[in-house]
Structures are given as C-alpha cells and as structure tokens.
Amino acid sequence: MSQSIFRDAVVTALRTDTALLALMDNDEGRIVDGAPAFIHLPYLSLSQVQSQSLTGNPADGDRVRFTIEAYSRALTRSDVAALGARVTDVLTAGPLTTGSGGRVLVLAVTQEISLQRDRRTWRARLAGRAVVE
C-alpha cells in the first residue's frame, strides 16, 4: 500500500508544479509512472520504487527508496540538469499528500547526469529516500 501512496503523491506533486511543467512544454503527460510507450522528449519517469516497513507494523509507515529519470535530447546537459533540480525542489519542499490522506516526506535526493549510448540523449537519474505515513 505504501508504494501506491508514494507513487500517487510524487506523480501528483510533479504534475501540478507549474515551473516543472514549463520545462516540459506544459504537458503533464510527459511525467509518467513507469516506462512510456511513445512520448516526446523531454520526459520524466518514476522508474523504481522499493519499500520496507519501518518497524514491522504496517500502521507505522514505510521507508522508500526511489529512482526518477529525466531524458532530453538537448545539445547540452542543461535541460536534464534543470529538470532534476526542479524535481528535487518539488519533492523536498515539504510533505507530499495524496487524496487518500497519505503523507510522504522525501529525505534526500541525489542526481547523476550522463550521456546515453546514442550520443544524443541526456539522462538525469535522481535517487532518493522517503518515509511514507
């Protein structure tokens, strides 16, 4: 259950941030949970979520490790760097909430930027930790 709360809170927060959407041609469909079938660049993908109980009691919440990837075919890494920085700002600004009342607190996010094998696509991989209540 905590993974669905986490996914809902993160995707909702990212899709409703106007500054992030401006970096993505104001298309919230470019923020996906999983792998996109057909999508225009740039886009963001919540690609991995792992959860573990904090205490063994489901009512106490879970620890979550996650990965979000941003892809762009801009000439330089600046597009994915800007996307990564904005995603980090949105996720770490304070607790994220869901319509079902779940709360997510993102504790830390790290960013790694690399040029992909095609030598045209940049990827920013954001890895983070969170607590889901």
C-alpha atoms as a PDB file:
ATOM      1  CA  MET A   1       0.000   0.000   0.000  1.00  0.00           C
ATOM      2  CA  SER A   2       2.826   2.443   0.792  1.00  0.00           C
ATOM      3  CA  GLN A   3       4.205   2.149  -2.745  1.00  0.00           C
ATOM      4  CA  SER A   4       0.891   3.220  -4.264  1.00  0.00           C
ATOM      5  CA  ILE A   5       0.637   6.124  -1.796  1.00  0.00           C
ATOM      6  CA  PHE A   6       4.188   7.152  -2.648  1.00  0.00           C
ATOM      7  CA  ARG A   7       3.650   6.902  -6.411  1.00  0.00           C
ATOM      8  CA  ASP A   8       0.383   8.849  -6.227  1.00  0.00           C
ATOM      9  CA  ALA A   9       1.891  11.613  -4.087  1.00  0.00           C
ATOM     10  CA  VAL A  10       5.035  12.018  -6.213  1.00  0.00           C
ATOM     11  CA  VAL A  11       3.332  11.945  -9.615  1.00  0.00           C
ATOM     12  CA  THR A  12       0.606  14.345  -8.430  1.00  0.00           C
ATOM     13  CA  ALA A  13       3.158  16.787  -6.964  1.00  0.00           C
ATOM     14  CA  LEU A  14       5.249  16.769 -10.135  1.00  0.00           C
ATOM     15  CA  ARG A  15       2.275  17.078 -12.492  1.00  0.00           C
ATOM     16  CA  THR A  16       0.887  20.081 -10.611  1.00  0.00           C
ATOM     17  CA  ASP A  17       4.120  22.095 -10.396  1.00  0.00           C
ATOM     18  CA  THR A  18       3.832  24.871 -12.988  1.00  0.00           C
ATOM     19  CA  ALA A  19       7.584  25.602 -13.078  1.00  0.00           C
ATOM     20  CA  LEU A  20       8.356  21.945 -13.821  1.00  0.00           C
ATOM     21  CA  LEU A  21       5.622  21.752 -16.456  1.00  0.00           C
ATOM     22  CA  ALA A  22       7.028  24.860 -18.143  1.00  0.00           C
ATOM     23  CA  LEU A  23      10.303  22.955 -18.636  1.00  0.00           C
ATOM     24  CA  MET A  24       8.281  20.198 -20.342  1.00  0.00           C
ATOM     25  CA  ASP A  25       6.195  22.228 -22.806  1.00  0.00           C
ATOM     26  CA  ASN A  26       3.310  22.346 -20.286  1.00  0.00           C
ATOM     27  CA  ASP A  27       2.497  18.682 -20.980  1.00  0.00           C
ATOM     28  CA  GLU A  28       1.776  16.768 -17.756  1.00  0.00           C
ATOM     29  CA  GLY A  29       1.594  13.584 -19.867  1.00  0.00           C
ATOM     30  CA  ARG A  30       5.400  13.698 -20.035  1.00  0.00           C
ATOM     31  CA  ILE A  31       5.541  12.755 -16.352  1.00  0.00           C
ATOM     32  CA  VAL A  32       4.933   9.013 -16.173  1.00  0.00           C
ATOM     33  CA  ASP A  33       4.926   6.256 -13.591  1.00  0.00           C
ATOM     34  CA  GLY A  34       6.978   3.596 -15.337  1.00  0.00           C
ATOM     35  CA  ALA A  35       8.210   3.255 -18.885  1.00  0.00           C
ATOM     36  CA  PRO A  36       6.456   5.313 -21.551  1.00  0.00           C
ATOM     37  CA  ALA A  37       5.381   3.609 -24.776  1.00  0.00           C
ATOM     38  CA  PHE A  38       5.536   6.660 -27.040  1.00  0.00           C
ATOM     39  CA  ILE A  39       6.419  10.030 -25.640  1.00  0.00           C
ATOM     40  CA  HIS A  40       8.121  13.221 -26.734  1.00  0.00           C
ATOM     41  CA  LEU A  41      11.323  14.365 -25.083  1.00  0.00           C
ATOM     42  CA  PRO A  42      11.921  15.749 -22.538  1.00  0.00           C
ATOM     43  CA  TYR A  43      10.105  13.473 -20.102  1.00  0.00           C
ATOM     44  CA  LEU A  44      10.286  12.202 -16.515  1.00  0.00           C
ATOM     45  CA  SER A  45       9.762   8.631 -15.405  1.00  0.00           C
ATOM     46  CA  LEU A  46       9.277   7.307 -11.876  1.00  0.00           C
ATOM     47  CA  SER A  47      11.184   4.158 -12.706  1.00  0.00           C
ATOM     48  CA  GLN A  48      11.862   2.326  -9.453  1.00  0.00           C
ATOM     49  CA  VAL A  49      10.258   2.211  -6.004  1.00  0.00           C
ATOM     50  CA  GLN A  50      11.298  -0.115  -3.180  1.00  0.00           C
ATOM     51  CA  SER A  51       9.683  -0.067   0.243  1.00  0.00           C
ATOM     52  CA  GLN A  52      10.456  -1.589   3.627  1.00  0.00           C
ATOM     53  CA  SER A  53       8.476  -1.400   6.842  1.00  0.00           C
ATOM     54  CA  LEU A  54       9.863   0.995   9.441  1.00  0.00           C
ATOM     55  CA  THR A  55       9.029  -1.227  12.423  1.00  0.00           C
ATOM     56  CA  GLY A  56       7.297  -4.338  11.119  1.00  0.00           C
ATOM     57  CA  ASN A  57       3.896  -2.825  11.893  1.00  0.00           C
ATOM     58  CA  PRO A  58       2.210  -1.553   8.683  1.00  0.00           C
ATOM     59  CA  ALA A  59       0.496   1.242  10.641  1.00  0.00           C
ATOM     60  CA  ASP A  60       3.884   2.791  11.473  1.00  0.00           C
ATOM     61  CA  GLY A  61       4.800   3.515   7.841  1.00  0.00           C
ATOM     62  CA  ASP A  62       7.497   2.511   5.401  1.00  0.00           C
ATOM     63  CA  ARG A  63      10.920   3.564   4.225  1.00  0.00           C
ATOM     64  CA  VAL A  64      11.039   4.056   0.465  1.00  0.00           C
ATOM     65  CA  ARG A  65      13.948   4.188  -1.968  1.00  0.00           C
ATOM     66  CA  PHE A  66      13.125   5.534  -5.411  1.00  0.00           C
ATOM     67  CA  THR A  67      14.574   6.483  -8.778  1.00  0.00           C
ATOM     68  CA  ILE A  68      13.255   9.128 -11.160  1.00  0.00           C
ATOM     69  CA  GLU A  69      14.834   9.541 -14.580  1.00  0.00           C
ATOM     70  CA  ALA A  70      14.692  12.613 -16.818  1.00  0.00           C
ATOM     71  CA  TYR A  71      15.541  12.344 -20.525  1.00  0.00           C
ATOM     72  CA  SER A  72      16.256  15.079 -23.075  1.00  0.00           C
ATOM     73  CA  ARG A  73      17.873  15.431 -26.480  1.00  0.00           C
ATOM     74  CA  ALA A  74      19.058  18.984 -25.927  1.00  0.00           C
ATOM     75  CA  LEU A  75      22.573  19.770 -27.134  1.00  0.00           C
ATOM     76  CA  THR A  76      23.891  20.065 -23.589  1.00  0.00           C
ATOM     77  CA  ARG A  77      23.081  18.591 -20.209  1.00  0.00           C
ATOM     78  CA  SER A  78      21.412  21.819 -19.097  1.00  0.00           C
ATOM     79  CA  ASP A  79      17.834  20.607 -19.806  1.00  0.00           C
ATOM     80  CA  VAL A  80      18.085  17.465 -17.693  1.00  0.00           C
ATOM     81  CA  ALA A  81      20.018  19.365 -15.023  1.00  0.00           C
ATOM     82  CA  ALA A  82      17.184  21.910 -14.809  1.00  0.00           C
ATOM     83  CA  LEU A  83      14.563  19.139 -14.712  1.00  0.00           C
ATOM     84  CA  GLY A  84      16.479  17.304 -11.985  1.00  0.00           C
ATOM     85  CA  ALA A  85      16.905  20.441  -9.911  1.00  0.00           C
ATOM     86  CA  ARG A  86      13.207  21.305 -10.165  1.00  0.00           C
ATOM     87  CA  VAL A  87      12.111  17.754  -9.298  1.00  0.00           C
ATOM     88  CA  THR A  88      14.390  17.856  -6.249  1.00  0.00           C
ATOM     89  CA  ASP A  89      12.930  21.225  -5.195  1.00  0.00           C
ATOM     90  CA  VAL A  90       9.338  19.967  -5.561  1.00  0.00           C
ATOM     91  CA  LEU A  91       9.934  16.732  -3.670  1.00  0.00           C
ATOM     92  CA  THR A  92      11.936  18.222  -0.798  1.00  0.00           C
ATOM     93  CA  ALA A  93       9.830  21.359  -0.206  1.00  0.00           C
ATOM     94  CA  GLY A  94       7.788  19.602   2.470  1.00  0.00           C
ATOM     95  CA  PRO A  95       5.479  16.647   2.995  1.00  0.00           C
ATOM     96  CA  LEU A  96       3.595  15.447  -0.084  1.00  0.00           C
ATOM     97  CA  THR A  97      -0.006  14.357   0.372  1.00  0.00           C
ATOM     98  CA  THR A  98      -2.492  12.203  -1.511  1.00  0.00           C
ATOM     99  CA  GLY A  99      -6.247  12.374  -1.927  1.00  0.00           C
ATOM    100  CA  SER A 100      -6.499   9.338   0.362  1.00  0.00           C
ATOM    101  CA  GLY A 101      -4.738  11.171   3.200  1.00  0.00           C
ATOM    102  CA  GLY A 102      -1.337   9.516   2.858  1.00  0.00           C
ATOM    103  CA  ARG A 103       1.753  11.594   3.581  1.00  0.00           C
ATOM    104  CA  VAL A 104       5.218  11.291   2.067  1.00  0.00           C
ATOM    105  CA  LEU A 105       8.344  13.005   3.365  1.00  0.00           C
ATOM    106  CA  VAL A 106      11.295  12.910   0.955  1.00  0.00           C
ATOM    107  CA  LEU A 107      14.501  12.910   2.989  1.00  0.00           C
ATOM    108  CA  ALA A 108      17.258  13.079   0.378  1.00  0.00           C
ATOM    109  CA  VAL A 109      17.745  13.161  -3.390  1.00  0.00           C
ATOM    110  CA  THR A 110      20.992  12.724  -5.334  1.00  0.00           C
ATOM    111  CA  GLN A 111      21.441  13.424  -9.035  1.00  0.00           C
ATOM    112  CA  GLU A 112      23.692  11.851 -11.670  1.00  0.00           C
ATOM    113  CA  ILE A 113      23.739  13.092 -15.291  1.00  0.00           C
ATOM    114  CA  SER A 114      25.047  11.037 -18.207  1.00  0.00           C
ATOM    115  CA  LEU A 115      25.055  10.970 -21.992  1.00  0.00           C
ATOM    116  CA  GLN A 116      23.408   7.815 -23.329  1.00  0.00           C
ATOM    117  CA  ARG A 117      24.829   5.353 -25.868  1.00  0.00           C
ATOM    118  CA  ASP A 118      23.125   7.059 -28.800  1.00  0.00           C
ATOM    119  CA  ARG A 119      25.295  10.123 -28.006  1.00  0.00           C
ATOM    120  CA  ARG A 120      22.201  12.346 -28.442  1.00  0.00           C
ATOM    121  CA  THR A 121      20.150  11.683 -25.322  1.00  0.00           C
ATOM    122  CA  TRP A 122      20.963  13.036 -21.872  1.00  0.00           C
ATOM    123  CA  ARG A 123      19.682  11.303 -18.724  1.00  0.00           C
ATOM    124  CA  ALA A 124      19.484  12.652 -15.206  1.00  0.00           C
ATOM    125  CA  ARG A 125      18.960   9.887 -12.653  1.00  0.00           C
ATOM    126  CA  LEU A 126      17.607  11.067  -9.326  1.00  0.00           C
ATOM    127  CA  ALA A 127      17.809   8.602  -6.471  1.00  0.00           C
ATOM    128  CA  GLY A 128      16.176   9.307  -3.161  1.00  0.00           C
ATOM    129  CA  ARG A 129      14.854   8.153   0.164  1.00  0.00           C
ATOM    130  CA  ALA A 130      11.483   8.892   1.707  1.00  0.00           C
ATOM    131  CA  VAL A 131       9.173   7.931   4.551  1.00  0.00           C
ATOM    132  CA  VAL A 132       5.501   7.120   3.901  1.00  0.00           C
ATOM    133  CA  GLU A 133       2.999   7.532   6.751  1.00  0.00           C
END
